[in-house]
Each structure stands twice: as structure tokens, then as C-alpha cells.
């Protein structure tokens, strides 16, 4: 079964816009769990424009499902995750001022750097995931670096979905198949939505986890958080016949 991890960055963005604690980030995280989410994802950035560093240990203390922290492995980020010890750390190649993730790691060029970070994460007993584009070679070198999983950057899939979904999914099936042959886990995330998630899962049924934030929180404005999470979970239950 593919797990749904809800990224709550956008909730923190709303909170930060007015100061105070409305909406209550910890309560929203607990509600997501109560409504069926299999995990919670956060991406703390240096400027703390959404998730703040202080939110991370506070969330770790109250969550009962899997906690996934994603971010660029600066010294400050690595120190934070080694102290908090989430279930999973997803390494992304974002620059400090980057608006959102828009590409995966070059796991060939960054092999030595990533291997050293992954060794520290593994020593702390934390599962690791490397954010990559749909590229077989990047998957192979992520495995060589010691990653437990890769997370496929699905932005290009979402962008091309309406134009030609068969063409859009093709490189992801190819890379996902290689990931399975490599014997490591498979996650996916970025711009997955109620429109395109079901088809993605139908074609890659061995997918371990998706991390979804922006689209899910937007849908929740209309559908409510409980019904929205149920709708996303329903997409992940579909198996290609």
C-alpha cells in the first residue's frame, strides 16, 4: 500500500502571515493523522518562511505516524535532523532562497558529498531518501551513495499530464522499474494532485510513499481536510488491472 504523507508547509505559511498560532500547526498535523494520513512532511528553510526550526521538535513530540523532514543538507539542517531523529530524511538540492523544489540531485557529481551525509543519517537510525529527476543513472548513483529510497521529482509529469499522460508517465515508469531492480524504496512528490495521482499509482503500483502539500491544502479549502485526505487515499488504493 502506498502511504500518503501530508506536507504541512502551506499551513505554516498561513500561520506566519499574521503571527500568533492560527492555524495551530500541531493540531492540523494531528488532524491529518486522525483523518487517515500515513505521515507528515515538513521542509524547514533557512528563512523560516513557513516551517520554523522550532516547529520540528514540537511536531516530533506529538506525531504518531511517520515524520519526514526534507531539505538541503546544510550543517544546520543535518544537526537538526540528527537531534530530532525523524523516521525519514529526504535530501533535496534546493538553494537557500529557492521558492520551491524544481529539480533533483546530480547524484553522479555529488556522490561523495551525498555519501558522507547519508552515512551520518544511517548511523542515527534514520531512513534516507534522495530527491531525483526521472533518470535511471541518477537512481543508480543514489543507490551507490547509500540511499534507502529515492523520491522522484514529479513536476514534469504533472506539467505534461494534460497534454499526453502516456508520454508524461513513461520516464517515471522506466526509472521506477530500475529503482525496484536496485532493491531500494520509491517515493514521489511535487505537483501530484487529485487530477494526476491515480494514473501515476496505476502505472507504478509498487510506489512506497507520496508526499503532497500544495494541491492537497488547496483542495481542502473547498472539500475540507478530512474529505480531501480521504480522496487522496482513494487514488492510492487504485491498482492497475
Protein backbone atom coordinates (compact mmCIF):
# COMPACT_ATOMS: atom_id res chain seq x y z
CA UNK A 1 0.00 0.00 0.00
CA UNK A 2 1.33 3.43 -0.94
CA UNK A 3 1.47 5.79 2.03
CA UNK A 4 0.26 9.39 1.95
CA UNK A 5 2.47 11.89 3.75
CA UNK A 6 0.87 15.32 4.03
CA UNK A 7 3.24 18.25 3.67
CA UNK A 8 2.01 20.97 6.05
CA UNK A 9 4.31 23.79 4.91
CA UNK A 10 1.37 25.75 3.48
CA UNK A 11 -0.41 25.63 6.84
CA UNK A 12 2.65 27.19 8.44
CA UNK A 13 2.70 29.84 5.71
CA UNK A 14 -0.83 30.92 6.63
CA UNK A 15 0.07 30.97 10.33
CA UNK A 16 3.17 33.04 9.74
CA UNK A 17 1.28 35.62 7.67
CA UNK A 18 -0.41 37.03 10.76
CA UNK A 19 1.81 35.85 13.59
CA UNK A 20 0.40 34.00 16.57
CA UNK A 21 -0.68 30.39 16.32
CA UNK A 22 -3.66 30.38 13.96
CA UNK A 23 -3.99 27.93 12.39
CA UNK A 24 -2.45 25.69 15.05
CA UNK A 25 0.19 23.71 13.15
CA UNK A 26 0.41 20.90 15.69
CA UNK A 27 -3.35 20.45 15.76
CA UNK A 28 -3.54 20.37 11.96
CA UNK A 29 -0.84 17.69 11.93
CA UNK A 30 -2.77 15.64 14.49
CA UNK A 31 -5.97 16.11 12.49
CA UNK A 32 -4.25 14.90 9.31
CA UNK A 33 -3.27 11.74 11.15
CA UNK A 34 -6.78 11.30 12.55
CA UNK A 35 -8.25 11.71 9.06
CA UNK A 36 -6.07 8.94 7.62
CA UNK A 37 -2.73 10.44 6.63
CA UNK A 38 0.11 7.94 6.99
CA UNK A 39 2.68 10.59 7.78
CA UNK A 40 3.58 14.25 7.96
CA UNK A 41 6.23 16.03 5.89
CA UNK A 42 7.89 19.37 6.59
CA UNK A 43 10.57 21.32 4.73
CA UNK A 44 12.26 23.84 7.02
CA UNK A 45 14.11 26.51 5.06
CA UNK A 46 16.80 28.89 6.33
CA UNK A 47 14.49 31.92 6.14
CA UNK A 48 11.73 30.08 8.08
CA UNK A 49 9.09 31.45 5.72
CA UNK A 50 6.85 28.50 6.53
CA UNK A 51 8.05 25.72 8.84
CA UNK A 52 10.21 27.13 11.61
CA UNK A 53 13.05 25.19 13.18
CA UNK A 54 11.19 25.26 16.49
CA UNK A 55 8.23 23.51 14.83
CA UNK A 56 10.29 20.44 14.04
CA UNK A 57 10.92 19.05 17.56
CA UNK A 58 7.41 20.15 18.58
CA UNK A 59 5.92 18.08 15.77
CA UNK A 60 8.15 15.10 16.53
CA UNK A 61 6.80 15.07 20.08
CA UNK A 62 3.12 14.83 19.07
CA UNK A 63 3.07 12.75 15.89
CA UNK A 64 2.08 9.10 15.98
CA UNK A 65 2.67 8.36 12.27
CA UNK A 66 5.82 8.73 10.19
CA UNK A 67 7.62 12.04 10.26
CA UNK A 68 9.55 13.04 7.14
CA UNK A 69 11.84 16.07 7.15
CA UNK A 70 13.09 17.28 3.78
CA UNK A 71 15.66 19.91 2.98
CA UNK A 72 19.10 20.81 1.72
CA UNK A 73 21.75 19.10 3.89
CA UNK A 74 23.48 22.16 5.29
CA UNK A 75 25.24 21.72 8.62
CA UNK A 76 22.29 23.36 10.40
CA UNK A 77 19.80 21.04 8.69
CA UNK A 78 21.81 17.90 9.40
CA UNK A 79 22.30 18.92 13.04
CA UNK A 80 18.54 19.44 13.35
CA UNK A 81 17.52 16.07 11.94
CA UNK A 82 20.16 14.18 13.88
CA UNK A 83 18.84 15.77 17.05
CA UNK A 84 15.15 15.25 16.28
CA UNK A 85 15.54 11.81 14.64
CA UNK A 86 12.51 11.66 12.33
CA UNK A 87 11.59 8.41 10.63
CA UNK A 88 12.83 9.67 7.27
CA UNK A 89 15.05 12.45 5.93
CA UNK A 90 14.65 13.47 2.28
CA UNK A 91 17.62 15.34 0.87
CA UNK A 92 16.78 17.97 -1.76
CA UNK A 93 19.24 20.14 -3.72
CA UNK A 94 17.43 23.45 -3.06
CA UNK A 95 19.34 26.71 -2.77
CA UNK A 96 18.59 28.68 0.43
CA UNK A 97 16.44 31.26 -1.39
CA UNK A 98 14.69 28.83 -3.75
CA UNK A 99 10.90 29.22 -3.91
CA UNK A 100 10.20 25.50 -4.26
CA UNK A 101 11.96 22.31 -5.34
CA UNK A 102 12.28 22.20 -9.13
CA UNK A 103 14.92 19.57 -9.90
CA UNK A 104 16.62 16.54 -8.43
CA UNK A 105 20.19 15.88 -7.35
CA UNK A 106 23.01 15.16 -9.75
CA UNK A 107 23.92 12.06 -7.82
CA UNK A 108 26.96 11.44 -10.02
CA UNK A 109 28.60 14.82 -9.45
CA UNK A 110 27.53 14.96 -5.79
CA UNK A 111 28.31 11.32 -4.99
CA UNK A 112 30.97 11.91 -2.34
CA UNK A 113 29.04 14.72 -0.66
CA UNK A 114 25.83 12.70 -0.50
CA UNK A 115 27.59 9.55 0.70
CA UNK A 116 29.04 11.34 3.71
CA UNK A 117 25.67 12.82 4.67
CA UNK A 118 23.89 9.50 4.18
CA UNK A 119 26.42 7.75 6.40
CA UNK A 120 25.59 10.15 9.24
CA UNK A 121 21.85 9.69 8.72
CA UNK A 122 22.16 5.92 8.67
CA UNK A 123 24.28 5.91 11.81
CA UNK A 124 21.47 7.75 13.59
CA UNK A 125 18.98 5.04 12.58
CA UNK A 126 17.04 7.31 10.20
CA UNK A 127 15.76 6.19 6.79
CA UNK A 128 17.13 8.30 3.94
CA UNK A 129 15.67 9.38 0.63
CA UNK A 130 17.31 11.30 -2.22
CA UNK A 131 15.24 13.63 -4.42
CA UNK A 132 15.98 12.86 -8.08
CA UNK A 133 14.66 13.50 -11.56
CA UNK A 134 13.22 10.61 -13.54
CA UNK A 135 16.61 9.40 -14.73
CA UNK A 136 17.91 5.85 -14.42
CA UNK A 137 21.50 6.95 -13.93
CA UNK A 138 20.57 9.30 -11.09
CA UNK A 139 18.72 6.42 -9.41
CA UNK A 140 21.71 4.12 -9.78
CA UNK A 141 24.11 6.59 -8.22
CA UNK A 142 21.67 7.40 -5.42
CA UNK A 143 21.78 3.71 -4.55
CA UNK A 144 25.58 3.71 -4.78
CA UNK A 145 25.71 6.64 -2.36
CA UNK A 146 23.78 4.55 0.15
CA UNK A 147 20.25 5.96 -0.04
CA UNK A 148 17.48 3.78 1.35
CA UNK A 149 15.00 5.33 -1.08
CA UNK A 150 14.72 7.85 -3.86
CA UNK A 151 11.93 10.38 -4.29
CA UNK A 152 11.02 11.07 -7.89
CA UNK A 153 10.52 14.75 -8.70
CA UNK A 154 7.11 14.62 -10.39
CA UNK A 155 6.87 18.25 -11.51
CA UNK A 156 7.49 17.40 -15.20
CA UNK A 157 4.89 14.60 -15.03
CA UNK A 158 2.26 16.97 -13.66
CA UNK A 159 3.13 19.64 -16.21
CA UNK A 160 2.74 17.26 -19.16
CA UNK A 161 -0.17 15.20 -17.82
CA UNK A 162 -2.99 17.01 -19.63
CA UNK A 163 -1.11 17.13 -22.93
CA UNK A 164 -0.16 13.47 -23.11
CA UNK A 165 -0.30 11.40 -19.96
CA UNK A 166 1.22 8.31 -21.57
CA UNK A 167 4.27 10.29 -22.63
CA UNK A 168 4.39 12.08 -19.27
CA UNK A 169 4.48 8.87 -17.24
CA UNK A 170 6.92 6.95 -19.46
CA UNK A 171 10.27 8.13 -17.97
CA UNK A 172 8.87 7.67 -14.48
CA UNK A 173 7.89 4.06 -15.16
CA UNK A 174 11.36 3.43 -16.60
CA UNK A 175 13.15 4.97 -13.62
CA UNK A 176 10.81 3.41 -11.07
CA UNK A 177 11.40 -0.02 -12.60
CA UNK A 178 15.14 0.45 -12.27
CA UNK A 179 14.70 1.57 -8.65
CA UNK A 180 12.85 -1.65 -7.93
CA UNK A 181 15.66 -3.67 -9.56
CA UNK A 182 18.18 -1.81 -7.41
CA UNK A 183 16.35 -3.00 -4.31
CA UNK A 184 15.72 0.41 -2.75
CA UNK A 185 12.46 2.14 -1.88
CA UNK A 186 10.48 4.52 -4.06
CA UNK A 187 8.78 7.78 -3.09
CA UNK A 188 7.35 10.53 -5.29
CA UNK A 189 6.36 14.13 -4.86
CA UNK A 190 5.78 17.60 -6.32
CA UNK A 191 2.59 18.82 -8.02
CA UNK A 192 0.81 15.50 -7.56
CA UNK A 193 -2.91 16.16 -7.30
CA UNK A 194 -6.36 14.58 -7.44
CA UNK A 195 -6.18 15.04 -11.20
CA UNK A 196 -2.99 13.07 -11.84
CA UNK A 197 -2.25 10.93 -8.77
CA UNK A 198 -4.46 7.94 -9.61
CA UNK A 199 -2.87 7.45 -13.02
CA UNK A 200 0.61 7.69 -11.52
CA UNK A 201 -0.19 5.00 -8.96
CA UNK A 202 -1.90 2.77 -11.53
CA UNK A 203 1.27 2.69 -13.59
CA UNK A 204 3.72 2.42 -10.69
CA UNK A 205 1.83 0.30 -8.15
CA UNK A 206 4.98 -0.54 -6.14
CA UNK A 207 5.28 3.10 -5.05
CA UNK A 208 6.06 3.28 -1.32
CA UNK A 209 5.04 6.84 -0.49
CA UNK A 210 3.86 10.15 -1.92
CA UNK A 211 4.41 13.49 -0.24
CA UNK A 212 1.74 16.06 -1.15
CA UNK A 213 1.24 19.54 0.20
CA UNK A 214 0.25 22.42 -2.05
CA UNK A 215 -2.51 20.73 -4.04
CA UNK A 216 -3.89 18.91 -1.01
CA UNK A 217 -4.14 22.05 1.12
CA UNK A 218 -5.74 23.93 -1.79
CA UNK A 219 -8.33 21.16 -2.23
CA UNK A 220 -9.02 21.25 1.50
CA UNK A 221 -10.20 24.86 1.20
CA UNK A 222 -13.17 23.57 -0.82
CA UNK A 223 -13.60 19.99 0.34
CA UNK A 224 -12.47 20.14 3.95
CA UNK A 225 -9.34 18.45 5.25
CA UNK A 226 -11.00 15.15 6.18
CA UNK A 227 -12.68 14.58 2.82
CA UNK A 228 -9.61 15.74 0.93
CA UNK A 229 -7.31 13.27 2.66
CA UNK A 230 -9.86 10.52 2.02
CA UNK A 231 -9.93 11.45 -1.69
CA UNK A 232 -6.15 11.30 -1.99
CA UNK A 233 -6.05 7.99 -0.14
CA UNK A 234 -8.66 6.64 -2.55
CA UNK A 235 -6.37 7.48 -5.50
CA UNK A 236 -3.61 5.45 -3.88
CA UNK A 237 -5.82 2.38 -3.42
CA UNK A 238 -6.31 2.01 -7.17
CA UNK A 239 -4.39 -0.88 -8.71
CA UNK A 240 -3.96 -1.20 -12.47
CA UNK A 241 -5.91 -4.15 -13.86
